[in-house]
């Protein structure tokens, strides 16, 4: 079988000082699936994800971008092009008083924690949302996830309330969730 031609990595769509945001590429799967399999990284999610679920998530994000012009982007360090994680805008459609809505979220490799990347990337995604004409964003996390709720506060989001997430009924350790919002 002849070698398959390499499909170039998608271009950087927008950037912050240190981060480049782009669509997902086959070469992201290894680092993304390792991050999604890391138990500490996935502490505040239902479970670690196997490779097939990581691939499916990448595919869903590329489709969301094609359909809506935003997604949880693959994020890389501009200096080295190393995969950092995902930061961006998604859609929440579970049944709740604030849904459907556009949310802002992040998940980054543990080795990059506590370096300001989540905050920097989320701030840049807020600017991107404004460029798209989006007037408000929500974010949610387990109320125990202090690191994520702190990022929400740093990027100017306002605490709304805690709620029981309907999709997490089988995961009481993750309840309640804290909801934050920003409007512009």
Protein backbone atom coordinates (compact mmCIF):
# COMPACT_ATOMS: atom_id res chain seq x y z
CA UNK A 1 0.00 0.00 0.00
CA UNK A 2 1.48 3.37 -0.93
CA UNK A 3 2.13 5.91 1.79
CA UNK A 4 -0.84 8.14 2.46
CA UNK A 5 -0.15 11.81 1.81
CA UNK A 6 0.15 13.87 4.95
CA UNK A 7 -2.63 16.35 5.39
CA UNK A 8 -1.15 19.60 6.68
CA UNK A 9 -2.16 20.79 10.10
CA UNK A 10 -4.97 23.36 9.99
CA UNK A 11 -3.79 26.96 10.18
CA UNK A 12 -3.94 29.03 13.33
CA UNK A 13 -7.32 30.79 13.24
CA UNK A 14 -6.52 33.32 15.97
CA UNK A 15 -3.95 33.71 18.71
CA UNK A 16 -3.24 35.19 22.10
CA UNK A 17 0.22 36.22 23.23
CA UNK A 18 1.42 32.63 23.75
CA UNK A 19 -1.33 30.43 22.28
CA UNK A 20 -2.57 29.48 18.83
CA UNK A 21 -6.14 28.30 18.29
CA UNK A 22 -6.99 25.98 15.39
CA UNK A 23 -9.21 23.13 14.26
CA UNK A 24 -8.34 19.57 15.17
CA UNK A 25 -5.89 17.40 13.22
CA UNK A 26 -5.10 13.69 13.22
CA UNK A 27 -1.71 14.48 14.79
CA UNK A 28 -3.48 15.84 17.91
CA UNK A 29 -4.97 12.47 18.81
CA UNK A 30 -2.00 11.04 20.70
CA UNK A 31 -1.49 14.03 23.03
CA UNK A 32 -5.24 14.66 23.35
CA UNK A 33 -6.04 11.06 24.24
CA UNK A 34 -3.19 10.94 26.78
CA UNK A 35 -4.55 14.10 28.40
CA UNK A 36 -8.08 12.65 28.43
CA UNK A 37 -6.80 9.41 29.97
CA UNK A 38 -4.95 11.22 32.79
CA UNK A 39 -6.93 10.60 35.97
CA UNK A 40 -5.84 13.84 37.62
CA UNK A 41 -6.74 15.93 34.56
CA UNK A 42 -10.12 14.20 34.41
CA UNK A 43 -10.91 14.46 38.15
CA UNK A 44 -13.91 16.73 37.54
CA UNK A 45 -15.26 14.85 34.54
CA UNK A 46 -17.36 11.69 34.51
CA UNK A 47 -14.47 9.46 33.48
CA UNK A 48 -11.20 9.27 31.64
CA UNK A 49 -11.74 8.89 27.90
CA UNK A 50 -10.42 6.08 25.75
CA UNK A 51 -8.82 6.90 22.40
CA UNK A 52 -12.02 6.28 20.41
CA UNK A 53 -13.94 8.82 22.53
CA UNK A 54 -11.12 11.36 22.19
CA UNK A 55 -11.25 10.92 18.41
CA UNK A 56 -15.05 11.29 18.44
CA UNK A 57 -14.73 14.51 20.47
CA UNK A 58 -12.19 15.90 17.98
CA UNK A 59 -14.55 15.03 15.13
CA UNK A 60 -17.52 16.68 16.91
CA UNK A 61 -15.48 19.84 17.49
CA UNK A 62 -14.46 20.09 13.83
CA UNK A 63 -18.12 19.62 12.82
CA UNK A 64 -19.23 22.26 15.34
CA UNK A 65 -16.69 24.68 13.86
CA UNK A 66 -17.90 23.92 10.32
CA UNK A 67 -21.52 24.42 11.39
CA UNK A 68 -21.22 27.34 13.85
CA UNK A 69 -17.80 28.96 13.38
CA UNK A 70 -16.62 28.06 16.88
CA UNK A 71 -15.74 25.01 18.96
CA UNK A 72 -13.43 23.89 21.72
CA UNK A 73 -10.30 24.50 19.67
CA UNK A 74 -7.07 22.57 19.62
CA UNK A 75 -4.61 24.93 21.30
CA UNK A 76 -0.87 24.92 20.87
CA UNK A 77 2.01 26.93 22.21
CA UNK A 78 3.00 29.41 19.51
CA UNK A 79 6.67 29.19 20.38
CA UNK A 80 7.02 25.40 20.05
CA UNK A 81 3.76 24.26 18.36
CA UNK A 82 3.36 21.79 21.24
CA UNK A 83 -0.21 20.69 21.91
CA UNK A 84 -1.50 22.38 25.09
CA UNK A 85 -5.10 21.18 25.22
CA UNK A 86 -8.48 22.58 24.25
CA UNK A 87 -10.02 25.95 24.96
CA UNK A 88 -13.00 27.45 23.25
CA UNK A 89 -16.72 27.81 22.82
CA UNK A 90 -19.20 24.96 22.87
CA UNK A 91 -22.93 24.40 23.01
CA UNK A 92 -24.79 23.23 26.11
CA UNK A 93 -28.22 21.80 25.37
CA UNK A 94 -29.13 19.69 28.39
CA UNK A 95 -32.37 20.71 30.11
CA UNK A 96 -31.75 23.67 32.44
CA UNK A 97 -33.13 27.22 32.84
CA UNK A 98 -30.08 28.69 31.05
CA UNK A 99 -29.91 26.27 28.09
CA UNK A 100 -29.45 26.11 25.22
CA UNK A 101 -26.43 28.35 25.52
CA UNK A 102 -22.91 28.92 24.31
CA UNK A 103 -20.34 28.09 26.92
CA UNK A 104 -16.66 28.71 27.29
CA UNK A 105 -14.50 25.86 28.51
CA UNK A 106 -10.98 24.51 28.75
CA UNK A 107 -8.99 21.36 29.44
CA UNK A 108 -5.23 21.52 29.34
CA UNK A 109 -2.43 19.06 29.88
CA UNK A 110 -1.40 18.84 33.52
CA UNK A 111 2.21 19.83 32.77
CA UNK A 112 0.88 23.24 31.69
CA UNK A 113 -1.25 23.91 34.79
CA UNK A 114 -0.62 26.99 36.95
CA UNK A 115 1.05 28.97 34.17
CA UNK A 116 -1.88 31.20 33.25
CA UNK A 117 -2.69 29.44 29.97
CA UNK A 118 -6.34 28.68 30.77
CA UNK A 119 -6.98 32.29 31.75
CA UNK A 120 -5.10 33.70 28.75
CA UNK A 121 -6.86 31.35 26.35
CA UNK A 122 -10.31 31.95 27.83
CA UNK A 123 -9.82 35.73 27.66
CA UNK A 124 -8.90 35.42 23.99
CA UNK A 125 -11.97 33.24 23.37
CA UNK A 126 -14.16 35.94 24.90
CA UNK A 127 -12.73 38.37 22.33
CA UNK A 128 -13.36 35.79 19.61
CA UNK A 129 -16.98 35.42 20.79
CA UNK A 130 -17.43 39.19 20.52
CA UNK A 131 -16.01 39.09 16.98
CA UNK A 132 -18.65 36.47 16.13
CA UNK A 133 -21.42 38.67 17.53
CA UNK A 134 -22.13 36.43 20.51
CA UNK A 135 -23.60 38.54 23.32
CA UNK A 136 -23.22 36.21 26.32
CA UNK A 137 -21.30 33.17 27.44
CA UNK A 138 -21.81 30.70 30.24
CA UNK A 139 -19.37 28.42 31.95
CA UNK A 140 -19.94 25.63 34.41
CA UNK A 141 -17.90 23.22 36.46
CA UNK A 142 -18.23 21.07 39.51
CA UNK A 143 -18.29 23.47 42.46
CA UNK A 144 -15.36 21.42 43.83
CA UNK A 145 -13.26 22.41 40.81
CA UNK A 146 -11.80 25.53 42.39
CA UNK A 147 -9.16 25.96 39.68
CA UNK A 148 -11.78 26.26 36.92
CA UNK A 149 -14.13 28.48 38.88
CA UNK A 150 -11.16 30.72 39.67
CA UNK A 151 -10.46 31.07 35.93
CA UNK A 152 -14.12 32.00 35.42
CA UNK A 153 -13.73 34.77 37.99
CA UNK A 154 -10.42 35.99 36.52
CA UNK A 155 -11.94 36.41 33.06
CA UNK A 156 -14.75 38.57 34.43
CA UNK A 157 -17.57 36.07 34.65
CA UNK A 158 -20.18 36.49 37.39
CA UNK A 159 -21.34 33.64 39.60
CA UNK A 160 -25.00 32.84 38.96
CA UNK A 161 -25.85 29.85 41.18
CA UNK A 162 -25.12 26.22 41.93
CA UNK A 163 -27.33 23.58 40.33
CA UNK A 164 -27.70 19.85 39.98
CA UNK A 165 -26.51 18.96 36.47
CA UNK A 166 -29.05 16.55 34.95
CA UNK A 167 -26.39 14.65 32.99
CA UNK A 168 -24.37 13.99 36.15
CA UNK A 169 -27.01 12.20 38.22
CA UNK A 170 -24.89 9.03 38.18
CA UNK A 171 -21.84 11.04 39.31
CA UNK A 172 -22.79 12.57 42.68
CA UNK A 173 -19.11 13.34 43.42
CA UNK A 174 -19.32 16.03 40.70
CA UNK A 175 -22.45 17.73 42.06
CA UNK A 176 -23.37 20.50 42.48
CA UNK A 177 -22.11 22.47 39.51
CA UNK A 178 -21.43 26.19 39.65
CA UNK A 179 -22.72 28.37 36.82
CA UNK A 180 -21.00 31.58 35.69
CA UNK A 181 -21.99 34.08 33.02
CA UNK A 182 -20.59 37.05 31.15
CA UNK A 183 -22.56 39.34 28.84
CA UNK A 184 -21.26 42.04 26.48
